[in-house]
Amino acid sequence: MRVVDAERDDFVFEALGATVRNPQAYSVLGHHSMQPAQKLTLRINGAEHTIEVPPDMPLLWALRDVVGLTGAKYGCGIAQCGACTVHLDGRAIRSCVTPVGTVTDHQITTIEALSQSPVGQKLQRAWLELQVPQCGYCQSGQLMSAAALLASNPSPDVGAIDVAMSGNICRCCTYVRIRAAIQKAAQA
């Protein structure tokens, strides 16, 4: 599926992602921002990035198309699948519905920096040892949600894991392996 905005020819939406040709005039399925671009400074993975985008642009597009961090994925655009999960001050959030202008005073952590924390390292080891991914598309969101859980609750029971991970969809249905990997990382 490919939709090109006929009015401005500045946004291309494709089934598994998006390419913004002109980030100052982004569109989400034909809805253009009514706000002018502003210079915003974001703290991402410990580094500052100054970008010029409309403040209502979804954080996901700013991360992927402006900053170049493509680990967070576009899945649904309505915060229902979890593929776009990043951390905002250590909390798991859905970047597809978070306006970039609301996160300028916060620390954003993406999957690209997950290995910088002991929890992230444990999760990555467990994910590999238990061969969690199949297609892999949802895995960055799964890992980010799991990392937020273990950072706040180092010894979660199965119920806590299920609640924390309930906002992440895996079309390959690797939920049993995801739960086992979180338990393994918690015990490491």
Protein backbone atom coordinates (compact mmCIF):
# COMPACT_ATOMS: atom_id res chain seq x y z
CA MET A 1 0.00 0.00 0.00
CA ARG A 2 1.34 3.42 -0.91
CA VAL A 3 -0.47 6.71 -0.41
CA VAL A 4 1.07 9.91 -1.72
CA ASP A 5 -0.34 13.24 -0.63
CA ALA A 6 -1.48 14.75 -3.92
CA GLU A 7 -1.73 18.31 -2.57
CA ARG A 8 1.86 18.79 -1.52
CA ASP A 9 3.65 15.59 -2.56
CA ASP A 10 5.68 15.80 0.62
CA PHE A 11 4.63 12.71 2.54
CA VAL A 12 4.71 9.07 1.61
CA PHE A 13 2.99 6.48 3.79
CA GLU A 14 3.88 2.86 3.23
CA ALA A 15 2.40 -0.19 4.96
CA LEU A 16 5.47 -0.88 7.13
CA GLY A 17 6.71 2.61 7.79
CA ALA A 18 6.79 6.16 6.60
CA THR A 19 9.09 8.50 4.79
CA VAL A 20 8.74 12.21 5.36
CA ARG A 21 10.25 14.10 2.44
CA ASN A 22 9.73 17.44 4.14
CA PRO A 23 9.47 17.09 7.92
CA GLN A 24 8.21 20.66 8.23
CA ALA A 25 5.07 19.71 6.33
CA TYR A 26 4.45 16.19 7.57
CA SER A 27 1.15 14.45 7.18
CA VAL A 28 -0.38 11.41 8.80
CA LEU A 29 -2.74 9.75 6.36
CA GLY A 30 -3.54 13.09 4.75
CA HIS A 31 -3.86 15.24 7.88
CA HIS A 32 -1.40 18.12 7.70
CA SER A 33 -0.08 19.91 10.73
CA MET A 34 -1.61 23.32 11.24
CA GLN A 35 1.30 24.41 13.43
CA PRO A 36 4.44 26.05 12.04
CA ALA A 37 7.80 24.34 12.49
CA GLN A 38 9.74 25.27 15.62
CA LYS A 39 13.25 24.57 16.81
CA LEU A 40 13.01 21.94 19.54
CA THR A 41 15.81 20.35 21.53
CA LEU A 42 15.33 16.72 22.45
CA ARG A 43 17.46 14.65 24.83
CA ILE A 44 17.62 11.25 23.19
CA ASN A 45 19.80 8.42 24.49
CA GLY A 46 21.94 10.87 26.45
CA ALA A 47 22.60 13.26 23.53
CA GLU A 48 20.91 16.51 22.58
CA HIS A 49 19.33 16.86 19.15
CA THR A 50 17.97 20.17 17.87
CA ILE A 51 15.34 19.68 15.20
CA GLU A 52 12.94 21.98 13.37
CA VAL A 53 9.48 20.42 13.14
CA PRO A 54 5.87 21.25 14.02
CA PRO A 55 5.41 20.62 17.77
CA ASP A 56 2.39 18.40 17.08
CA MET A 57 4.44 16.00 14.94
CA PRO A 58 4.38 12.53 16.53
CA LEU A 59 7.60 11.75 18.39
CA LEU A 60 7.91 8.58 16.31
CA TRP A 61 8.30 10.55 13.07
CA ALA A 62 10.81 12.91 14.67
CA LEU A 63 12.88 9.97 15.92
CA ARG A 64 12.75 8.00 12.67
CA ASP A 65 12.65 10.59 9.92
CA VAL A 66 14.42 13.58 11.38
CA VAL A 67 16.91 12.19 13.93
CA GLY A 68 17.48 8.91 12.06
CA LEU A 69 16.78 6.46 14.91
CA THR A 70 14.68 3.80 13.23
CA GLY A 71 14.44 1.18 16.00
CA ALA A 72 10.96 2.23 17.11
CA LYS A 73 8.48 1.01 14.50
CA TYR A 74 5.22 2.30 13.09
CA GLY A 75 2.53 -0.30 13.63
CA CYS A 76 -0.89 1.25 14.12
CA GLY A 77 -0.61 5.00 14.73
CA ILE A 78 -3.19 4.87 17.56
CA ALA A 79 -1.12 3.53 20.51
CA GLN A 80 -2.66 0.06 20.37
CA CYS A 81 0.16 -2.21 19.21
CA GLY A 82 3.27 -1.08 21.11
CA ALA A 83 5.70 -1.27 18.18
CA CYS A 84 6.61 2.40 18.69
CA THR A 85 7.39 2.09 22.42
CA VAL A 86 10.19 4.26 23.80
CA HIS A 87 10.98 5.44 27.31
CA LEU A 88 10.19 8.93 28.54
CA ASP A 89 12.04 9.47 31.82
CA GLY A 90 12.11 5.68 32.23
CA ARG A 91 8.39 5.10 31.56
CA ALA A 92 7.21 3.19 28.50
CA ILE A 93 5.20 5.45 26.18
CA ARG A 94 3.77 5.12 22.67
CA SER A 95 5.69 7.53 20.46
CA CYS A 96 3.17 7.38 17.61
CA VAL A 97 0.67 9.50 19.57
CA THR A 98 3.05 11.62 21.64
CA PRO A 99 3.52 15.13 20.21
CA VAL A 100 7.22 15.92 19.96
CA GLY A 101 6.61 19.36 21.46
CA THR A 102 5.54 17.79 24.77
CA VAL A 103 8.79 15.91 25.42
CA THR A 104 11.43 18.63 25.20
CA ASP A 105 12.06 18.70 28.96
CA HIS A 106 12.40 14.93 29.27
CA GLN A 107 14.91 12.16 28.65
CA ILE A 108 13.92 9.92 25.73
CA THR A 109 15.45 6.46 25.48
CA THR A 110 15.07 4.33 22.37
CA ILE A 111 15.90 0.71 21.61
CA GLU A 112 19.24 1.89 20.20
CA ALA A 113 20.39 2.62 23.79
CA LEU A 114 18.86 -0.40 25.52
CA SER A 115 22.22 -2.17 25.88
CA GLN A 116 23.56 0.75 27.93
CA SER A 117 21.66 -0.42 31.02
CA PRO A 118 22.17 -3.63 33.00
CA VAL A 119 18.45 -4.42 32.67
CA GLY A 120 18.64 -3.96 28.92
CA GLN A 121 21.68 -6.23 28.68
CA LYS A 122 19.92 -8.97 30.67
CA LEU A 123 16.85 -8.71 28.48
CA GLN A 124 18.83 -8.85 25.26
CA ARG A 125 20.73 -11.94 26.48
CA ALA A 126 17.47 -13.67 27.50
CA TRP A 127 15.81 -12.74 24.19
CA LEU A 128 18.69 -14.33 22.28
CA GLU A 129 19.02 -17.41 24.49
CA LEU A 130 15.30 -18.18 24.27
CA GLN A 131 15.10 -17.23 20.59
CA VAL A 132 12.13 -14.94 21.20
CA PRO A 133 11.74 -13.16 17.84
CA GLN A 134 10.24 -14.63 14.73
CA CYS A 135 9.62 -11.79 12.27
CA GLY A 136 11.07 -9.31 14.78
CA TYR A 137 8.93 -6.30 13.85
CA CYS A 138 7.41 -5.85 17.32
CA GLN A 139 10.52 -6.76 19.27
CA SER A 140 11.89 -3.26 19.88
CA GLY A 141 8.58 -2.30 21.50
CA GLN A 142 8.44 -5.56 23.43
CA LEU A 143 11.96 -5.05 24.77
CA MET A 144 11.32 -1.42 25.74
CA SER A 145 8.14 -2.35 27.63
CA ALA A 146 9.95 -5.22 29.34
CA ALA A 147 12.85 -2.95 30.32
CA ALA A 148 10.48 -0.39 31.85
CA LEU A 149 8.79 -3.19 33.79
CA LEU A 150 12.05 -4.63 35.18
CA ALA A 151 13.39 -1.17 36.02
CA SER A 152 10.33 -0.52 38.19
CA ASN A 153 9.73 -4.10 39.37
CA PRO A 154 12.91 -6.24 39.32
CA SER A 155 11.06 -9.43 40.34
CA PRO A 156 7.66 -9.39 38.61
CA ASP A 157 5.33 -12.35 38.85
CA VAL A 158 3.54 -13.70 35.78
CA GLY A 159 0.52 -11.47 36.41
CA ALA A 160 2.66 -8.32 36.56
CA ILE A 161 4.44 -9.34 33.36
CA ASP A 162 1.15 -9.95 31.57
CA VAL A 163 -0.25 -6.58 32.68
CA ALA A 164 2.91 -4.67 31.72
CA MET A 165 3.13 -6.35 28.32
CA SER A 166 -0.59 -6.25 27.50
CA GLY A 167 -0.18 -3.17 25.30
CA ASN A 168 2.27 -4.91 22.99
CA ILE A 169 0.98 -7.03 20.14
CA CYS A 170 3.03 -9.80 18.55
CA ARG A 171 1.47 -11.05 15.32
CA CYS A 172 3.73 -14.11 15.47
CA CYS A 173 2.31 -14.94 18.92
CA THR A 174 5.63 -15.36 20.73
CA TYR A 175 4.01 -14.30 24.01
CA VAL A 176 5.07 -17.45 25.89
CA ARG A 177 8.73 -16.91 24.92
CA ILE A 178 8.49 -13.18 25.69
CA ARG A 179 7.18 -13.93 29.19
CA ALA A 180 9.87 -16.59 29.73
CA ALA A 181 12.61 -14.18 28.60
CA ILE A 182 11.40 -11.50 31.01
CA GLN A 183 11.38 -14.06 33.85
CA LYS A 184 14.89 -15.21 32.88
CA ALA A 185 16.20 -11.62 32.79
CA ALA A 186 14.61 -10.92 36.18
CA GLN A 187 16.41 -13.92 37.68
CA ALA A 188 19.80 -13.09 36.11
